[in-house]
Amino acid sequence: MTINDYKLDQIAAEYAEEIWRDVDGDIDAATDQAHEYADGSEWVIYYHKAHELCQNCKTDNGEQLLEDVGPGENPTYDGLAVLIAYGELNARINHAIYKLAEEMEAA
């Protein structure tokens, strides 16, 4: 599967729904789990997938994370791609979680 913004949003939404069910509506626990889901995603742990995500998706959130935390002590091309992919996916999962929380509140 080639990744693009639409597919990445779908992945994030699926993760968010699974997280939301697991935490029974606890927003703090949900955002904690979002980190774990993003950190363990194939789009983050495999260099070639992280590069593909960076090349095919909007990565503003991931680049902001890189700016906020810095590139690390010995930055590598692969390491930067992983950090950007993680930041982007984590942000999208959290965005989907907040949408679910708003929908639950409105209902």
N, C-alpha and C. Protein backbone atom coordinates (compact mmCIF):
# COMPACT_ATOMS: atom_id res chain seq x y z
N MET A 1 0.84 -1.18 0.00
CA MET A 1 0.00 0.00 0.00
C MET A 1 0.89 1.24 0.00
N THR A 2 0.62 2.13 -0.92
CA THR A 2 1.30 3.42 -0.93
C THR A 2 0.54 4.35 -0.02
N ILE A 3 1.24 5.04 0.83
CA ILE A 3 0.61 5.93 1.81
C ILE A 3 0.36 7.30 1.18
N ASN A 4 -0.71 7.93 1.60
CA ASN A 4 -1.00 9.32 1.26
C ASN A 4 -1.78 9.91 2.44
N ASP A 5 -2.10 11.19 2.35
CA ASP A 5 -2.78 11.83 3.48
C ASP A 5 -4.11 11.17 3.82
N TYR A 6 -4.88 10.81 2.83
CA TYR A 6 -6.18 10.17 3.07
C TYR A 6 -5.99 8.86 3.83
N LYS A 7 -5.06 8.02 3.36
CA LYS A 7 -4.84 6.73 4.01
C LYS A 7 -4.26 6.90 5.41
N LEU A 8 -3.36 7.88 5.57
CA LEU A 8 -2.80 8.12 6.90
C LEU A 8 -3.88 8.59 7.86
N ASP A 9 -4.78 9.43 7.39
CA ASP A 9 -5.90 9.85 8.23
C ASP A 9 -6.79 8.66 8.61
N GLN A 10 -7.00 7.74 7.68
CA GLN A 10 -7.79 6.54 7.97
C GLN A 10 -7.11 5.68 9.03
N ILE A 11 -5.81 5.49 8.89
CA ILE A 11 -5.05 4.71 9.87
C ILE A 11 -5.17 5.36 11.24
N ALA A 12 -4.98 6.67 11.30
CA ALA A 12 -5.07 7.39 12.57
C ALA A 12 -6.46 7.26 13.17
N ALA A 13 -7.50 7.36 12.34
CA ALA A 13 -8.88 7.24 12.83
C ALA A 13 -9.15 5.84 13.37
N GLU A 14 -8.63 4.81 12.70
CA GLU A 14 -8.80 3.44 13.19
C GLU A 14 -8.10 3.25 14.53
N TYR A 15 -6.89 3.75 14.63
CA TYR A 15 -6.17 3.68 15.91
C TYR A 15 -6.96 4.41 16.99
N ALA A 16 -7.46 5.59 16.67
CA ALA A 16 -8.19 6.40 17.65
C ALA A 16 -9.44 5.68 18.14
N GLU A 17 -10.17 5.05 17.24
CA GLU A 17 -11.38 4.33 17.63
C GLU A 17 -11.04 3.16 18.55
N GLU A 18 -9.99 2.44 18.22
CA GLU A 18 -9.57 1.32 19.06
C GLU A 18 -9.13 1.82 20.44
N ILE A 19 -8.36 2.88 20.45
CA ILE A 19 -7.91 3.47 21.72
C ILE A 19 -9.11 3.93 22.54
N TRP A 20 -10.02 4.63 21.89
CA TRP A 20 -11.19 5.19 22.58
C TRP A 20 -12.01 4.09 23.25
N ARG A 21 -12.18 2.97 22.56
CA ARG A 21 -12.90 1.83 23.16
C ARG A 21 -12.12 1.28 24.36
N ASP A 22 -10.81 1.18 24.23
CA ASP A 22 -9.98 0.60 25.30
C ASP A 22 -9.97 1.45 26.57
N VAL A 23 -10.03 2.77 26.42
CA VAL A 23 -9.90 3.65 27.59
C VAL A 23 -11.25 4.11 28.12
N ASP A 24 -12.33 3.68 27.48
CA ASP A 24 -13.68 4.00 27.93
C ASP A 24 -13.91 5.50 28.11
N GLY A 25 -13.44 6.27 27.12
CA GLY A 25 -13.71 7.70 27.14
C GLY A 25 -12.80 8.55 28.00
N ASP A 26 -11.73 8.02 28.52
CA ASP A 26 -10.77 8.79 29.33
C ASP A 26 -9.78 9.46 28.39
N ILE A 27 -9.93 10.76 28.19
CA ILE A 27 -9.14 11.49 27.21
C ILE A 27 -7.65 11.48 27.53
N ASP A 28 -7.29 11.57 28.82
CA ASP A 28 -5.87 11.54 29.19
C ASP A 28 -5.24 10.18 28.88
N ALA A 29 -5.94 9.12 29.21
CA ALA A 29 -5.44 7.78 28.90
C ALA A 29 -5.37 7.58 27.38
N ALA A 30 -6.32 8.16 26.67
CA ALA A 30 -6.34 8.02 25.21
C ALA A 30 -5.12 8.68 24.58
N THR A 31 -4.79 9.87 25.03
CA THR A 31 -3.62 10.54 24.45
C THR A 31 -2.32 9.83 24.83
N ASP A 32 -2.29 9.23 26.00
CA ASP A 32 -1.11 8.43 26.37
C ASP A 32 -0.97 7.22 25.44
N GLN A 33 -2.09 6.57 25.16
CA GLN A 33 -2.04 5.41 24.27
C GLN A 33 -1.76 5.80 22.83
N ALA A 34 -2.16 7.00 22.44
CA ALA A 34 -1.87 7.46 21.08
C ALA A 34 -0.37 7.42 20.83
N HIS A 35 0.40 7.84 21.82
CA HIS A 35 1.86 7.81 21.72
C HIS A 35 2.33 6.38 21.45
N GLU A 36 1.79 5.43 22.19
CA GLU A 36 2.21 4.03 22.04
C GLU A 36 1.84 3.48 20.66
N TYR A 37 0.65 3.81 20.19
CA TYR A 37 0.23 3.34 18.88
C TYR A 37 1.11 3.94 17.78
N ALA A 38 1.37 5.23 17.87
CA ALA A 38 2.22 5.87 16.86
C ALA A 38 3.63 5.30 16.91
N ASP A 39 4.16 5.13 18.11
CA ASP A 39 5.52 4.64 18.29
C ASP A 39 5.69 3.22 17.77
N GLY A 40 4.64 2.43 17.80
CA GLY A 40 4.72 1.04 17.36
C GLY A 40 4.22 0.80 15.95
N SER A 41 3.80 1.85 15.27
CA SER A 41 3.24 1.70 13.93
C SER A 41 4.32 1.32 12.92
N GLU A 42 3.92 0.50 11.95
CA GLU A 42 4.84 0.13 10.88
C GLU A 42 5.32 1.36 10.12
N TRP A 43 4.53 2.43 10.12
CA TRP A 43 4.89 3.65 9.40
C TRP A 43 5.96 4.45 10.14
N VAL A 44 6.27 4.01 11.35
CA VAL A 44 7.30 4.67 12.15
C VAL A 44 8.50 3.74 12.37
N ILE A 45 8.25 2.47 12.62
CA ILE A 45 9.37 1.59 13.01
C ILE A 45 10.20 1.12 11.83
N TYR A 46 9.65 1.13 10.62
CA TYR A 46 10.42 0.71 9.45
C TYR A 46 10.88 1.94 8.68
N TYR A 47 12.17 2.05 8.50
CA TYR A 47 12.73 3.23 7.84
C TYR A 47 12.09 3.50 6.48
N HIS A 48 11.96 2.46 5.67
CA HIS A 48 11.43 2.70 4.32
C HIS A 48 9.99 3.20 4.37
N LYS A 49 9.23 2.75 5.34
CA LYS A 49 7.85 3.23 5.48
C LYS A 49 7.83 4.67 5.99
N ALA A 50 8.72 4.99 6.93
CA ALA A 50 8.79 6.36 7.44
C ALA A 50 9.18 7.32 6.31
N HIS A 51 10.12 6.91 5.47
CA HIS A 51 10.52 7.74 4.33
C HIS A 51 9.35 7.90 3.37
N GLU A 52 8.62 6.83 3.12
CA GLU A 52 7.47 6.91 2.23
C GLU A 52 6.42 7.87 2.78
N LEU A 53 6.16 7.79 4.08
CA LEU A 53 5.21 8.71 4.71
C LEU A 53 5.67 10.15 4.53
N CYS A 54 6.95 10.40 4.78
CA CYS A 54 7.49 11.76 4.66
C CYS A 54 7.42 12.28 3.22
N GLN A 55 7.58 11.38 2.26
CA GLN A 55 7.58 11.78 0.86
C GLN A 55 6.17 11.99 0.30
N ASN A 56 5.18 11.29 0.86
CA ASN A 56 3.85 11.29 0.26
C ASN A 56 2.77 11.99 1.07
N CYS A 57 3.08 12.40 2.27
CA CYS A 57 2.07 13.01 3.13
C CYS A 57 2.53 14.40 3.59
N LYS A 58 1.55 15.18 3.94
CA LYS A 58 1.85 16.47 4.57
C LYS A 58 2.45 16.16 5.94
N THR A 59 3.57 16.78 6.29
CA THR A 59 4.27 16.43 7.52
C THR A 59 4.49 17.63 8.44
N ASP A 60 3.61 18.61 8.37
CA ASP A 60 3.78 19.81 9.20
C ASP A 60 3.86 19.48 10.69
N ASN A 61 3.01 18.57 11.16
CA ASN A 61 3.02 18.20 12.58
C ASN A 61 4.32 17.49 12.96
N GLY A 62 4.77 16.62 12.10
CA GLY A 62 6.01 15.91 12.35
C GLY A 62 7.21 16.85 12.35
N GLU A 63 7.21 17.78 11.43
CA GLU A 63 8.30 18.75 11.37
C GLU A 63 8.27 19.68 12.58
N GLN A 64 7.07 19.99 13.06
CA GLN A 64 6.97 20.81 14.27
C GLN A 64 7.53 20.08 15.47
N LEU A 65 7.27 18.78 15.56
CA LEU A 65 7.85 17.98 16.64
C LEU A 65 9.37 18.01 16.55
N LEU A 66 9.90 17.84 15.36
CA LEU A 66 11.35 17.90 15.17
C LEU A 66 11.90 19.24 15.62
N GLU A 67 11.20 20.32 15.29
CA GLU A 67 11.63 21.65 15.71
C GLU A 67 11.56 21.79 17.23
N ASP A 68 10.52 21.21 17.84
CA ASP A 68 10.32 21.33 19.29
C ASP A 68 11.35 20.53 20.09
N VAL A 69 11.65 19.31 19.66
CA VAL A 69 12.53 18.44 20.44
C VAL A 69 13.96 18.40 19.93
N GLY A 70 14.15 18.86 18.71
CA GLY A 70 15.49 18.83 18.13
C GLY A 70 15.78 17.49 17.48
N PRO A 71 16.84 17.44 16.69
CA PRO A 71 17.15 16.23 15.94
C PRO A 71 17.90 15.16 16.73
N GLY A 72 18.25 15.44 17.95
CA GLY A 72 19.01 14.47 18.74
C GLY A 72 20.50 14.72 18.62
N GLU A 73 21.24 13.92 19.31
CA GLU A 73 22.69 14.11 19.38
C GLU A 73 23.40 13.78 18.08
N ASN A 74 23.04 12.67 17.47
CA ASN A 74 23.67 12.23 16.22
C ASN A 74 22.59 11.96 15.18
N PRO A 75 22.02 13.02 14.61
CA PRO A 75 20.90 12.81 13.69
C PRO A 75 21.35 12.09 12.41
N THR A 76 20.50 11.20 11.96
CA THR A 76 20.71 10.50 10.69
C THR A 76 19.49 10.74 9.81
N TYR A 77 19.66 10.49 8.56
CA TYR A 77 18.57 10.60 7.60
C TYR A 77 17.40 9.72 8.03
N ASP A 78 17.70 8.47 8.38
CA ASP A 78 16.65 7.54 8.82
C ASP A 78 16.01 8.00 10.12
N GLY A 79 16.82 8.45 11.06
CA GLY A 79 16.31 8.90 12.35
C GLY A 79 15.40 10.10 12.23
N LEU A 80 15.74 11.01 11.35
CA LEU A 80 14.89 12.18 11.14
C LEU A 80 13.57 11.79 10.50
N ALA A 81 13.60 10.87 9.55
CA ALA A 81 12.37 10.41 8.91
C ALA A 81 11.46 9.74 9.93
N VAL A 82 12.03 8.92 10.80
CA VAL A 82 11.24 8.24 11.84
C VAL A 82 10.62 9.25 12.79
N LEU A 83 11.39 10.23 13.23
CA LEU A 83 10.87 11.24 14.16
C LEU A 83 9.74 12.05 13.52
N ILE A 84 9.92 12.44 12.28
CA ILE A 84 8.88 13.20 11.59
C ILE A 84 7.64 12.34 11.38
N ALA A 85 7.82 11.09 10.96
CA ALA A 85 6.67 10.19 10.76
C ALA A 85 5.94 9.96 12.08
N TYR A 86 6.69 9.75 13.16
CA TYR A 86 6.07 9.57 14.48
C TYR A 86 5.25 10.81 14.86
N GLY A 87 5.85 11.97 14.74
CA GLY A 87 5.16 13.21 15.12
C GLY A 87 3.90 13.43 14.32
N GLU A 88 3.97 13.13 13.04
CA GLU A 88 2.79 13.31 12.18
C GLU A 88 1.69 12.34 12.54
N LEU A 89 2.03 11.07 12.69
CA LEU A 89 1.01 10.07 13.02
C LEU A 89 0.44 10.31 14.41
N ASN A 90 1.27 10.61 15.37
CA ASN A 90 0.78 10.88 16.73
C ASN A 90 -0.19 12.06 16.73
N ALA A 91 0.13 13.11 16.03
CA ALA A 91 -0.75 14.27 15.97
C ALA A 91 -2.09 13.92 15.33
N ARG A 92 -2.04 13.12 14.28
CA ARG A 92 -3.29 12.74 13.60
C ARG A 92 -4.14 11.82 14.47
N ILE A 93 -3.51 10.92 15.20
CA ILE A 93 -4.26 10.07 16.12
C ILE A 93 -4.92 10.92 17.19
N ASN A 94 -4.17 11.84 17.77
CA ASN A 94 -4.73 12.71 18.81
C ASN A 94 -5.87 13.57 18.26
N HIS A 95 -5.72 14.06 17.05
CA HIS A 95 -6.79 14.85 16.43
C HIS A 95 -8.06 14.00 16.31
N ALA A 96 -7.90 12.74 15.88
CA ALA A 96 -9.05 11.85 15.74
C ALA A 96 -9.66 11.52 17.11
N ILE A 97 -8.84 11.40 18.13
CA ILE A 97 -9.35 11.15 19.49
C ILE A 97 -10.19 12.33 19.95
N TYR A 98 -9.69 13.54 19.74
CA TYR A 98 -10.44 14.72 20.16
C TYR A 98 -11.76 14.85 19.39
N LYS A 99 -11.77 14.44 18.12
CA LYS A 99 -13.03 14.44 17.36
C LYS A 99 -14.01 13.46 17.97
N LEU A 100 -13.54 12.28 18.36
CA LEU A 100 -14.41 11.29 18.99
C LEU A 100 -14.95 11.82 20.33
N ALA A 101 -14.11 12.48 21.10
CA ALA A 101 -14.53 13.05 22.38
C ALA A 101 -15.60 14.13 22.15
N GLU A 102 -15.42 14.96 21.14
CA GLU A 102 -16.41 16.00 20.84
C GLU A 102 -17.74 15.37 20.41
N GLU A 103 -17.67 14.32 19.59
CA GLU A 103 -18.88 13.64 19.15
C GLU A 103 -19.61 13.02 20.34
N MET A 104 -18.86 12.46 21.26
CA MET A 104 -19.45 11.84 22.45
C MET A 104 -20.11 12.91 23.32
N GLU A 105 -19.46 14.05 23.44
CA GLU A 105 -20.00 15.15 24.24
C GLU A 105 -21.28 15.70 23.61
N ALA A 106 -21.31 15.78 22.30
CA ALA A 106 -22.47 16.33 21.59
C ALA A 106 -23.67 15.38 21.64
N ALA A 107 -23.41 14.10 21.81
CA ALA A 107 -24.50 13.10 21.79
C ALA A 107 -25.28 13.06 23.08
